[in-house]
Amino acid sequence: MRIALTVLLAVIPVAACSPASSAGPSTAIVDTAPSVPVTTPEPSPSPRPVSVASDGAACPVTRPNGAPPPEGEAPDGNWLGNGRLWTVLWPKGLVVVPPDGVEPDGGLGMKFPWWRAPEVHGTLHITGHELTRGVQVRAEVPDGYGDTGFQASGIAFPVEGCYQVTGEAGGAQLTFVTMVRPCAAIAEMPPAERALYSICDR
């Protein structure tokens, strides 16, 4: 199922990426158990996460649980939520960044939508790091969305790789793991999987 890219790409300008560069890791996608344990948001389904090869190691990407926020949003298999915070994940746990989101230093920027439950009030804070190299993400959370409900954001990933990202607002937390690559990575995928990333056709 295609991710709601209209939502992901229409919210705010992507934050500037911090200086870094990286050799491109492999993007082989396999259905094996992860080699690194990850805390799964609650409630959450129990199937094993998909693994995306990164520098020869498995990336234990988080699977969506399909739980939409309570704001009349349409059902979608790419929702991830725990009853207090929600976001939208990418197919197969792989974020692909089009050329206009790639900085001259190799940093990769992408927009992420978030939702806070009606009882959750507070500014959204986003943190994250690459699991192998430890480099930190940079996040932009713009004003103007109030202290509950929908919140746009931009996340700058300084290098390609496997990232753990956490959103926190009003004492609620949601964490996910995702692989981040530029659009050039889809050349390594089967045609059926490449079709999921129409963002790269721009």
N, C-alpha and C. Protein backbone atom coordinates (compact mmCIF):
# COMPACT_ATOMS: atom_id res chain seq x y z
N MET A 1 0.85 -1.20 0.00
CA MET A 1 0.00 0.00 0.00
C MET A 1 0.88 1.23 0.00
N ARG A 2 0.59 2.22 -0.88
CA ARG A 2 1.43 3.42 -0.94
C ARG A 2 1.24 4.25 0.30
N ILE A 3 2.34 4.81 0.79
CA ILE A 3 2.27 5.67 1.97
C ILE A 3 1.60 6.97 1.60
N ALA A 4 1.03 7.65 2.59
CA ALA A 4 0.35 8.92 2.35
C ALA A 4 1.39 10.00 2.11
N LEU A 5 2.00 9.98 0.92
CA LEU A 5 3.11 10.89 0.64
C LEU A 5 2.63 12.32 0.51
N THR A 6 1.34 12.53 0.13
CA THR A 6 0.83 13.89 0.06
C THR A 6 0.94 14.56 1.41
N VAL A 7 0.63 13.79 2.47
CA VAL A 7 0.75 14.33 3.82
C VAL A 7 2.20 14.59 4.16
N LEU A 8 3.05 13.61 3.86
CA LEU A 8 4.46 13.72 4.24
C LEU A 8 5.15 14.88 3.54
N LEU A 9 4.72 15.21 2.32
CA LEU A 9 5.48 16.16 1.52
C LEU A 9 4.85 17.54 1.47
N ALA A 10 3.73 17.76 2.16
CA ALA A 10 3.05 19.03 2.04
C ALA A 10 3.06 19.85 3.31
N VAL A 11 3.81 19.41 4.32
CA VAL A 11 3.66 20.06 5.61
C VAL A 11 4.58 21.25 5.83
N ILE A 12 5.92 21.08 5.83
CA ILE A 12 6.82 22.19 6.08
C ILE A 12 8.09 22.00 5.30
N PRO A 13 8.91 23.05 5.15
CA PRO A 13 10.24 22.86 4.55
C PRO A 13 11.09 21.98 5.43
N VAL A 14 11.90 21.12 4.80
CA VAL A 14 12.75 20.21 5.55
C VAL A 14 13.85 20.99 6.24
N ALA A 15 14.21 20.56 7.47
CA ALA A 15 15.29 21.22 8.21
C ALA A 15 16.61 21.02 7.49
N ALA A 16 17.52 21.97 7.63
CA ALA A 16 18.85 21.85 7.03
C ALA A 16 19.59 20.71 7.67
N CYS A 17 20.32 19.95 6.84
CA CYS A 17 21.03 18.78 7.34
C CYS A 17 22.40 19.17 7.85
N SER A 18 22.87 18.48 8.88
CA SER A 18 24.18 18.76 9.43
C SER A 18 25.26 18.13 8.56
N PRO A 19 26.48 18.67 8.57
CA PRO A 19 27.52 18.17 7.69
C PRO A 19 27.88 16.73 7.98
N ALA A 20 27.92 15.92 6.93
CA ALA A 20 28.36 14.53 7.03
C ALA A 20 28.33 13.95 5.65
N SER A 21 28.98 12.81 5.48
CA SER A 21 28.89 12.06 4.23
C SER A 21 29.02 10.60 4.56
N SER A 22 28.57 9.75 3.61
CA SER A 22 28.59 8.32 3.88
C SER A 22 28.58 7.55 2.59
N ALA A 23 29.24 6.41 2.58
CA ALA A 23 29.12 5.50 1.46
C ALA A 23 27.76 4.88 1.49
N GLY A 24 27.16 4.60 0.33
CA GLY A 24 25.80 4.08 0.28
C GLY A 24 25.73 2.63 0.71
N PRO A 25 24.92 2.33 1.78
CA PRO A 25 24.76 0.95 2.19
C PRO A 25 23.83 0.19 1.26
N SER A 26 23.81 -1.13 1.38
CA SER A 26 22.93 -1.98 0.59
C SER A 26 21.50 -1.79 1.06
N THR A 27 20.52 -2.08 0.16
CA THR A 27 19.12 -1.92 0.52
C THR A 27 18.38 -3.24 0.35
N ALA A 28 19.05 -4.38 0.52
CA ALA A 28 18.37 -5.66 0.44
C ALA A 28 17.37 -5.77 1.57
N ILE A 29 16.12 -6.13 1.25
CA ILE A 29 15.06 -6.22 2.26
C ILE A 29 14.73 -7.69 2.48
N VAL A 30 14.83 -8.14 3.71
CA VAL A 30 14.59 -9.54 4.03
C VAL A 30 13.65 -9.63 5.21
N ASP A 31 12.96 -10.76 5.34
CA ASP A 31 12.03 -10.98 6.44
C ASP A 31 12.67 -11.86 7.50
N THR A 32 13.74 -11.39 8.08
CA THR A 32 14.39 -12.13 9.15
C THR A 32 14.26 -11.38 10.44
N ALA A 33 14.48 -12.05 11.57
CA ALA A 33 14.40 -11.39 12.86
C ALA A 33 15.54 -10.40 13.01
N PRO A 34 15.32 -9.28 13.70
CA PRO A 34 16.38 -8.28 13.85
C PRO A 34 17.50 -8.78 14.73
N SER A 35 18.70 -8.24 14.48
CA SER A 35 19.84 -8.62 15.30
C SER A 35 20.03 -7.68 16.47
N VAL A 36 19.24 -6.57 16.50
CA VAL A 36 19.34 -5.60 17.58
C VAL A 36 17.96 -5.43 18.18
N PRO A 37 17.77 -5.59 19.50
CA PRO A 37 16.44 -5.43 20.08
C PRO A 37 15.99 -3.98 20.03
N VAL A 38 14.67 -3.79 19.82
CA VAL A 38 14.10 -2.46 19.75
C VAL A 38 12.86 -2.42 20.60
N THR A 39 12.68 -1.33 21.35
CA THR A 39 11.48 -1.16 22.15
C THR A 39 10.33 -0.79 21.23
N THR A 40 9.27 -1.60 21.21
CA THR A 40 8.13 -1.37 20.35
C THR A 40 7.07 -0.60 21.10
N PRO A 41 6.50 0.46 20.51
CA PRO A 41 5.47 1.22 21.20
C PRO A 41 4.30 0.34 21.58
N GLU A 42 3.61 0.67 22.66
CA GLU A 42 2.45 -0.08 23.13
C GLU A 42 1.19 0.74 22.92
N PRO A 43 0.04 0.14 22.52
CA PRO A 43 -0.04 -1.24 22.08
C PRO A 43 0.55 -1.41 20.70
N SER A 44 1.02 -2.61 20.38
CA SER A 44 1.66 -2.85 19.10
C SER A 44 1.53 -4.31 18.74
N PRO A 45 1.40 -4.63 17.43
CA PRO A 45 1.32 -6.03 17.03
C PRO A 45 2.64 -6.74 17.27
N SER A 46 2.62 -8.06 17.25
CA SER A 46 3.79 -8.82 17.62
C SER A 46 4.60 -9.42 16.48
N PRO A 47 4.23 -9.27 15.17
CA PRO A 47 5.06 -9.89 14.15
C PRO A 47 6.47 -9.33 14.13
N ARG A 48 7.42 -10.19 13.67
CA ARG A 48 8.81 -9.75 13.63
C ARG A 48 8.98 -8.59 12.67
N PRO A 49 9.80 -7.60 13.04
CA PRO A 49 10.04 -6.50 12.12
C PRO A 49 10.82 -6.94 10.89
N VAL A 50 10.62 -6.22 9.80
CA VAL A 50 11.41 -6.46 8.60
C VAL A 50 12.82 -5.97 8.86
N SER A 51 13.81 -6.57 8.22
CA SER A 51 15.19 -6.11 8.35
C SER A 51 15.67 -5.58 7.02
N VAL A 52 16.33 -4.45 7.05
CA VAL A 52 16.91 -3.87 5.85
C VAL A 52 18.41 -3.86 6.03
N ALA A 53 19.14 -4.51 5.12
CA ALA A 53 20.59 -4.61 5.27
C ALA A 53 21.23 -3.24 5.23
N SER A 54 22.14 -2.98 6.14
CA SER A 54 22.85 -1.70 6.22
C SER A 54 24.28 -1.97 6.63
N ASP A 55 25.22 -1.72 5.71
CA ASP A 55 26.64 -1.96 6.00
C ASP A 55 26.87 -3.38 6.50
N GLY A 56 26.13 -4.32 5.95
CA GLY A 56 26.31 -5.72 6.33
C GLY A 56 25.58 -6.13 7.58
N ALA A 57 24.87 -5.21 8.24
CA ALA A 57 24.14 -5.54 9.47
C ALA A 57 22.65 -5.32 9.24
N ALA A 58 21.83 -6.01 10.04
CA ALA A 58 20.38 -5.87 9.91
C ALA A 58 19.91 -4.59 10.57
N CYS A 59 18.96 -3.92 9.94
CA CYS A 59 18.32 -2.74 10.53
C CYS A 59 16.94 -3.20 11.00
N PRO A 60 16.69 -3.22 12.30
CA PRO A 60 15.42 -3.76 12.83
C PRO A 60 14.29 -2.75 12.71
N VAL A 61 13.86 -2.49 11.47
CA VAL A 61 12.86 -1.46 11.23
C VAL A 61 11.55 -1.82 11.92
N THR A 62 10.85 -0.78 12.34
CA THR A 62 9.57 -0.95 13.03
C THR A 62 8.46 -1.13 12.00
N ARG A 63 7.60 -2.10 12.24
CA ARG A 63 6.43 -2.27 11.39
C ARG A 63 5.29 -1.39 11.89
N PRO A 64 4.50 -0.80 10.97
CA PRO A 64 3.33 -0.05 11.39
C PRO A 64 2.30 -0.98 12.02
N ASN A 65 1.44 -0.41 12.87
CA ASN A 65 0.36 -1.23 13.44
C ASN A 65 -1.01 -0.84 12.90
N GLY A 66 -1.04 0.13 11.97
CA GLY A 66 -2.30 0.48 11.32
C GLY A 66 -3.28 1.24 12.18
N ALA A 67 -2.86 1.72 13.36
CA ALA A 67 -3.76 2.39 14.28
C ALA A 67 -3.81 3.88 13.96
N PRO A 68 -4.94 4.40 13.41
CA PRO A 68 -5.01 5.83 13.08
C PRO A 68 -5.31 6.69 14.29
N PRO A 69 -4.96 7.97 14.23
CA PRO A 69 -5.29 8.88 15.34
C PRO A 69 -6.79 9.13 15.39
N PRO A 70 -7.30 9.56 16.55
CA PRO A 70 -8.74 9.75 16.70
C PRO A 70 -9.21 11.10 16.18
N GLU A 71 -8.87 11.44 14.95
CA GLU A 71 -9.26 12.72 14.38
C GLU A 71 -9.92 12.55 13.02
N GLY A 72 -10.55 11.39 12.81
CA GLY A 72 -11.22 11.17 11.55
C GLY A 72 -10.30 10.87 10.40
N GLU A 73 -9.04 10.52 10.67
CA GLU A 73 -8.11 10.16 9.60
C GLU A 73 -8.49 8.81 9.00
N ALA A 74 -8.29 8.66 7.70
CA ALA A 74 -8.65 7.43 7.02
C ALA A 74 -7.76 6.28 7.46
N PRO A 75 -8.30 5.06 7.54
CA PRO A 75 -7.46 3.90 7.86
C PRO A 75 -6.34 3.76 6.83
N ASP A 76 -5.18 3.35 7.28
CA ASP A 76 -4.02 3.19 6.40
C ASP A 76 -3.06 2.23 7.08
N GLY A 77 -2.56 1.27 6.32
CA GLY A 77 -1.65 0.28 6.89
C GLY A 77 -0.33 0.84 7.33
N ASN A 78 -0.03 2.12 7.03
CA ASN A 78 1.25 2.70 7.39
C ASN A 78 1.23 3.52 8.67
N TRP A 79 0.07 3.60 9.33
CA TRP A 79 0.01 4.29 10.62
C TRP A 79 0.80 3.55 11.68
N LEU A 80 1.43 4.30 12.57
CA LEU A 80 2.02 3.75 13.78
C LEU A 80 1.55 4.63 14.94
N GLY A 81 0.92 4.02 15.94
CA GLY A 81 0.44 4.78 17.07
C GLY A 81 0.32 3.92 18.31
N ASN A 82 0.24 4.59 19.47
CA ASN A 82 0.13 3.86 20.73
C ASN A 82 -1.01 4.38 21.61
N GLY A 83 -1.96 5.10 20.99
CA GLY A 83 -3.08 5.63 21.74
C GLY A 83 -2.85 7.04 22.25
N ARG A 84 -1.60 7.53 22.19
CA ARG A 84 -1.27 8.88 22.67
C ARG A 84 -0.52 9.70 21.62
N LEU A 85 0.32 9.05 20.84
CA LEU A 85 1.02 9.69 19.73
C LEU A 85 0.93 8.80 18.50
N TRP A 86 0.93 9.43 17.30
CA TRP A 86 0.88 8.69 16.05
C TRP A 86 1.80 9.35 15.03
N THR A 87 2.28 8.55 14.08
CA THR A 87 2.97 9.06 12.91
C THR A 87 2.70 8.11 11.76
N VAL A 88 3.29 8.39 10.60
CA VAL A 88 3.14 7.54 9.42
C VAL A 88 4.51 7.00 9.05
N LEU A 89 4.61 5.68 8.86
CA LEU A 89 5.87 5.06 8.47
C LEU A 89 5.90 4.82 6.97
N TRP A 90 7.10 4.59 6.46
CA TRP A 90 7.29 4.32 5.03
C TRP A 90 7.22 2.83 4.74
N PRO A 91 6.86 2.46 3.49
CA PRO A 91 6.79 1.04 3.13
C PRO A 91 8.12 0.34 3.38
N LYS A 92 8.02 -0.89 3.90
CA LYS A 92 9.20 -1.73 4.11
C LYS A 92 10.21 -1.11 5.08
N GLY A 93 9.81 -0.08 5.82
CA GLY A 93 10.72 0.53 6.78
C GLY A 93 11.83 1.34 6.14
N LEU A 94 11.67 1.73 4.88
CA LEU A 94 12.72 2.43 4.16
C LEU A 94 12.25 3.81 3.72
N VAL A 95 12.83 4.86 4.29
CA VAL A 95 12.59 6.23 3.86
C VAL A 95 13.51 6.53 2.68
N VAL A 96 12.95 6.96 1.56
CA VAL A 96 13.79 7.35 0.42
C VAL A 96 13.63 8.85 0.22
N VAL A 97 14.75 9.54 0.05
CA VAL A 97 14.77 10.99 -0.02
C VAL A 97 15.06 11.42 -1.45
N PRO A 98 14.16 12.23 -2.05
CA PRO A 98 14.38 12.67 -3.43
C PRO A 98 15.53 13.67 -3.52
N PRO A 99 16.00 13.94 -4.73
CA PRO A 99 17.17 14.81 -4.89
C PRO A 99 17.02 16.18 -4.22
N ASP A 100 15.80 16.75 -4.20
CA ASP A 100 15.67 18.08 -3.59
C ASP A 100 15.74 18.04 -2.07
N GLY A 101 15.78 16.84 -1.50
CA GLY A 101 15.95 16.71 -0.06
C GLY A 101 17.36 16.32 0.35
N VAL A 102 18.25 16.15 -0.65
CA VAL A 102 19.64 15.77 -0.37
C VAL A 102 20.50 17.03 -0.38
N GLU A 103 21.17 17.29 0.74
CA GLU A 103 22.02 18.47 0.86
C GLU A 103 23.38 18.23 0.19
N PRO A 104 24.11 19.28 -0.14
CA PRO A 104 25.43 19.12 -0.77
C PRO A 104 26.39 18.27 0.06
N ASP A 105 26.22 18.29 1.39
CA ASP A 105 27.11 17.49 2.23
C ASP A 105 26.64 16.04 2.38
N GLY A 106 25.56 15.66 1.70
CA GLY A 106 25.07 14.29 1.76
C GLY A 106 23.97 14.06 2.76
N GLY A 107 23.64 15.07 3.57
CA GLY A 107 22.55 14.93 4.53
C GLY A 107 21.22 14.72 3.84
N LEU A 108 20.29 14.04 4.51
CA LEU A 108 19.01 13.66 3.93
C LEU A 108 17.87 14.21 4.79
N GLY A 109 16.98 15.00 4.18
CA GLY A 109 15.88 15.61 4.92
C GLY A 109 14.54 15.06 4.48
N MET A 110 13.65 14.82 5.44
CA MET A 110 12.31 14.33 5.12
C MET A 110 11.31 14.87 6.12
N LYS A 111 10.05 15.04 5.67
CA LYS A 111 8.97 15.53 6.51
C LYS A 111 8.22 14.36 7.14
N PHE A 112 7.83 14.53 8.40
CA PHE A 112 7.05 13.53 9.12
C PHE A 112 5.87 14.20 9.81
N PRO A 113 4.64 13.68 9.60
CA PRO A 113 3.49 14.19 10.33
C PRO A 113 3.32 13.44 11.66
N TRP A 114 2.86 14.16 12.68
CA TRP A 114 2.60 13.56 13.98
C TRP A 114 1.21 14.00 14.45
N TRP A 115 0.61 13.20 15.32
CA TRP A 115 -0.66 13.55 15.95
C TRP A 115 -0.56 13.27 17.44
N ARG A 116 -1.08 14.21 18.22
CA ARG A 116 -1.16 14.05 19.68
C ARG A 116 -2.62 13.77 20.05
N ALA A 117 -2.84 12.85 20.97
CA ALA A 117 -4.19 12.53 21.42
C ALA A 117 -4.81 13.76 22.09
N PRO A 118 -6.15 13.85 22.13
CA PRO A 118 -6.80 15.02 22.74
C PRO A 118 -6.36 15.31 24.17
N GLU A 119 -6.01 14.25 24.91
CA GLU A 119 -5.57 14.47 26.29
C GLU A 119 -4.08 14.76 26.42
N VAL A 120 -3.36 14.72 25.30
CA VAL A 120 -1.91 15.00 25.30
C VAL A 120 -1.70 16.46 24.89
N HIS A 121 -1.16 17.25 25.79
CA HIS A 121 -0.91 18.66 25.52
C HIS A 121 0.58 18.96 25.75
N GLY A 122 1.18 19.59 24.77
CA GLY A 122 2.59 19.94 24.92
C GLY A 122 3.28 20.03 23.58
N THR A 123 4.40 20.72 23.55
CA THR A 123 5.20 20.85 22.35
C THR A 123 5.85 19.52 22.00
N LEU A 124 5.83 19.17 20.71
CA LEU A 124 6.48 17.95 20.25
C LEU A 124 7.99 18.14 20.22
N HIS A 125 8.72 17.18 20.77
CA HIS A 125 10.18 17.16 20.70
C HIS A 125 10.60 15.87 20.00
N ILE A 126 11.54 15.96 19.09
CA ILE A 126 11.99 14.80 18.32
C ILE A 126 13.49 14.63 18.53
N THR A 127 13.88 13.42 18.89
CA THR A 127 15.29 13.07 19.01
C THR A 127 15.53 11.79 18.22
N GLY A 128 16.78 11.50 17.94
CA GLY A 128 17.09 10.26 17.22
C GLY A 128 18.56 10.16 16.90
N HIS A 129 18.98 8.94 16.57
CA HIS A 129 20.39 8.72 16.23
C HIS A 129 20.51 7.51 15.32
N GLU A 130 21.61 7.48 14.58
CA GLU A 130 21.92 6.34 13.72
C GLU A 130 22.48 5.23 14.58
N LEU A 131 21.96 4.02 14.43
CA LEU A 131 22.26 2.95 15.37
C LEU A 131 23.70 2.46 15.29
N THR A 132 24.35 2.58 14.14
CA THR A 132 25.71 2.09 14.01
C THR A 132 26.74 3.17 14.34
N ARG A 133 26.52 4.37 13.82
CA ARG A 133 27.51 5.44 13.97
C ARG A 133 27.17 6.43 15.07
N GLY A 134 25.94 6.42 15.55
CA GLY A 134 25.57 7.27 16.67
C GLY A 134 25.32 8.72 16.34
N VAL A 135 25.38 9.12 15.07
CA VAL A 135 25.16 10.53 14.73
C VAL A 135 23.71 10.91 15.02
N GLN A 136 23.51 12.14 15.48
CA GLN A 136 22.20 12.60 15.92
C GLN A 136 21.41 13.26 14.79
N VAL A 137 20.09 13.03 14.78
CA VAL A 137 19.23 13.74 13.84
C VAL A 137 19.04 15.18 14.29
N ARG A 138 18.61 16.03 13.37
CA ARG A 138 18.19 17.38 13.69
C ARG A 138 16.73 17.51 13.27
N ALA A 139 15.91 18.06 14.14
CA ALA A 139 14.48 18.14 13.86
C ALA A 139 14.00 19.58 13.87
N GLU A 140 13.04 19.87 13.01
CA GLU A 140 12.36 21.16 12.98
C GLU A 140 10.90 20.92 13.30
N VAL A 141 10.40 21.56 14.35
CA VAL A 141 9.00 21.46 14.75
C VAL A 141 8.44 22.87 14.73
N PRO A 142 7.72 23.24 13.67
CA PRO A 142 7.28 24.64 13.53
C PRO A 142 6.15 25.01 14.49
N ASP A 143 6.06 26.28 14.80
CA ASP A 143 4.96 26.80 15.62
C ASP A 143 3.67 26.87 14.79
N GLY A 144 2.58 27.13 15.48
CA GLY A 144 1.32 27.38 14.79
C GLY A 144 0.36 26.22 14.77
N TYR A 145 0.70 25.09 15.38
CA TYR A 145 -0.17 23.92 15.36
C TYR A 145 -0.86 23.68 16.70
N GLY A 146 -0.70 24.58 17.67
CA GLY A 146 -1.31 24.38 18.97
C GLY A 146 -0.55 23.38 19.81
N ASP A 147 -1.13 23.04 20.98
CA ASP A 147 -0.42 22.13 21.89
C ASP A 147 -1.03 20.74 21.93
N THR A 148 -1.93 20.43 20.98
CA THR A 148 -2.47 19.08 20.86
C THR A 148 -2.89 18.85 19.42
N GLY A 149 -3.21 17.61 19.07
CA GLY A 149 -3.62 17.31 17.70
C GLY A 149 -2.44 17.25 16.74
N PHE A 150 -2.70 17.60 15.48
CA PHE A 150 -1.71 17.45 14.41
C PHE A 150 -0.50 18.36 14.61
N GLN A 151 0.67 17.84 14.26
CA GLN A 151 1.92 18.61 14.28
C GLN A 151 2.81 18.18 13.12
N ALA A 152 3.17 19.13 12.27
CA ALA A 152 4.12 18.85 11.20
C ALA A 152 5.54 18.85 11.75
N SER A 153 6.44 18.19 11.04
CA SER A 153 7.85 18.22 11.44
C SER A 153 8.73 17.89 10.24
N GLY A 154 9.99 18.29 10.34
CA GLY A 154 11.00 17.89 9.39
C GLY A 154 12.16 17.28 10.15
N ILE A 155 12.69 16.18 9.64
CA ILE A 155 13.82 15.52 10.29
C ILE A 155 14.98 15.46 9.30
N ALA A 156 16.15 15.92 9.74
CA ALA A 156 17.36 15.87 8.92
C ALA A 156 18.24 14.74 9.43
N PHE A 157 18.50 13.77 8.54
CA PHE A 157 19.36 12.63 8.86
C PHE A 157 20.73 12.91 8.26
N PRO A 158 21.78 13.05 9.07
CA PRO A 158 23.07 13.51 8.54
C PRO A 158 23.76 12.55 7.59
N VAL A 159 23.48 11.25 7.70
CA VAL A 159 24.08 10.26 6.81
C VAL A 159 23.04 9.20 6.48
N GLU A 160 23.27 8.42 5.43
CA GLU A 160 22.44 7.25 5.19
C GLU A 160 22.61 6.28 6.35
N GLY A 161 21.57 5.52 6.63
CA GLY A 161 21.73 4.52 7.68
C GLY A 161 20.44 4.13 8.34
N CYS A 162 20.59 3.46 9.48
CA CYS A 162 19.50 2.90 10.26
C CYS A 162 19.30 3.77 11.50
N TYR A 163 18.13 4.40 11.61
CA TYR A 163 17.89 5.39 12.66
C TYR A 163 16.79 4.97 13.62
N GLN A 164 17.01 5.27 14.89
CA GLN A 164 15.95 5.21 15.89
C GLN A 164 15.49 6.64 16.16
N VAL A 165 14.18 6.88 16.05
CA VAL A 165 13.62 8.21 16.21
C VAL A 165 12.54 8.16 17.29
N THR A 166 12.52 9.15 18.17
CA THR A 166 11.52 9.23 19.24
C THR A 166 10.85 10.59 19.22
N GLY A 167 9.52 10.58 19.22
CA GLY A 167 8.74 11.79 19.40
C GLY A 167 8.18 11.81 20.82
N GLU A 168 8.20 12.99 21.45
CA GLU A 168 7.69 13.10 22.83
C GLU A 168 6.91 14.40 22.96
N ALA A 169 5.76 14.30 23.60
CA ALA A 169 4.94 15.48 23.86
C ALA A 169 4.06 15.22 25.07
N GLY A 170 4.05 16.12 26.03
CA GLY A 170 3.17 16.01 27.18
C GLY A 170 3.28 14.71 27.94
N GLY A 171 4.47 14.14 28.00
CA GLY A 171 4.68 12.89 28.70
C GLY A 171 4.41 11.64 27.86
N ALA A 172 3.91 11.80 26.65
CA ALA A 172 3.69 10.67 25.74
C ALA A 172 4.90 10.50 24.84
N GLN A 173 5.25 9.25 24.52
CA GLN A 173 6.40 8.95 23.67
C GLN A 173 6.02 7.93 22.61
N LEU A 174 6.63 8.07 21.44
CA LEU A 174 6.50 7.09 20.37
C LEU A 174 7.86 6.95 19.70
N THR A 175 8.35 5.71 19.60
CA THR A 175 9.67 5.44 19.04
C THR A 175 9.54 4.48 17.86
N PHE A 176 10.31 4.74 16.82
CA PHE A 176 10.37 3.80 15.69
C PHE A 176 11.78 3.76 15.14
N VAL A 177 12.07 2.69 14.40
CA VAL A 177 13.37 2.52 13.73
C VAL A 177 13.10 2.44 12.23
N THR A 178 13.89 3.16 11.45
CA THR A 178 13.71 3.18 10.00
C THR A 178 15.05 3.29 9.31
N MET A 179 15.11 2.78 8.09
CA MET A 179 16.28 2.94 7.23
C MET A 179 16.09 4.19 6.39
N VAL A 180 17.14 4.96 6.16
CA VAL A 180 17.08 6.20 5.38
C VAL A 180 18.10 6.13 4.26
N ARG A 181 17.63 6.33 3.02
CA ARG A 181 18.51 6.30 1.84
C ARG A 181 18.04 7.33 0.83
N PRO A 182 18.89 7.75 -0.10
CA PRO A 182 18.43 8.60 -1.21
C PRO A 182 17.68 7.76 -2.23
N CYS A 183 17.01 8.43 -3.18
CA CYS A 183 16.22 7.72 -4.19
C CYS A 183 17.04 6.77 -5.05
N ALA A 184 18.34 7.00 -5.14
CA ALA A 184 19.17 6.10 -5.93
C ALA A 184 19.07 4.66 -5.43
N ALA A 185 18.67 4.47 -4.17
CA ALA A 185 18.59 3.13 -3.59
C ALA A 185 17.53 2.27 -4.24
N ILE A 186 16.48 2.89 -4.83
CA ILE A 186 15.40 2.05 -5.35
C ILE A 186 15.82 1.27 -6.59
N ALA A 187 16.93 1.67 -7.21
CA ALA A 187 17.42 0.91 -8.36
C ALA A 187 17.77 -0.52 -7.97
N GLU A 188 18.04 -0.75 -6.69
CA GLU A 188 18.40 -2.08 -6.20
C GLU A 188 17.18 -2.94 -5.90
N MET A 189 15.97 -2.37 -5.99
CA MET A 189 14.76 -3.08 -5.59
C MET A 189 14.09 -3.77 -6.77
N PRO A 190 13.28 -4.80 -6.50
CA PRO A 190 12.43 -5.38 -7.54
C PRO A 190 11.43 -4.34 -8.02
N PRO A 191 10.95 -4.43 -9.27
CA PRO A 191 10.02 -3.43 -9.81
C PRO A 191 8.79 -3.20 -8.94
N ALA A 192 8.23 -4.25 -8.36
CA ALA A 192 7.03 -4.10 -7.54
C ALA A 192 7.28 -3.21 -6.33
N GLU A 193 8.48 -3.30 -5.76
CA GLU A 193 8.81 -2.47 -4.61
C GLU A 193 9.17 -1.05 -5.03
N ARG A 194 9.81 -0.90 -6.19
CA ARG A 194 10.13 0.44 -6.67
C ARG A 194 8.87 1.26 -6.88
N ALA A 195 7.77 0.60 -7.24
CA ALA A 195 6.52 1.30 -7.50
C ALA A 195 5.96 1.97 -6.25
N LEU A 196 6.40 1.55 -5.06
CA LEU A 196 5.93 2.16 -3.82
C LEU A 196 6.48 3.56 -3.62
N TYR A 197 7.53 3.91 -4.36
CA TYR A 197 8.25 5.16 -4.10
C TYR A 197 8.09 6.13 -5.28
N SER A 198 6.85 6.53 -5.56
CA SER A 198 6.60 7.47 -6.65
C SER A 198 7.23 8.83 -6.38
N ILE A 199 7.58 9.09 -5.11
CA ILE A 199 8.27 10.34 -4.76
C ILE A 199 9.55 10.50 -5.57
N CYS A 200 10.15 9.39 -5.97
CA CYS A 200 11.41 9.43 -6.70
C CYS A 200 11.21 9.74 -8.19
N ASP A 201 9.94 9.81 -8.64
CA ASP A 201 9.66 10.10 -10.04
C ASP A 201 9.57 11.60 -10.31
N ARG A 202 9.68 12.40 -9.27
CA ARG A 202 9.55 13.85 -9.45
C ARG A 202 10.73 14.43 -10.24
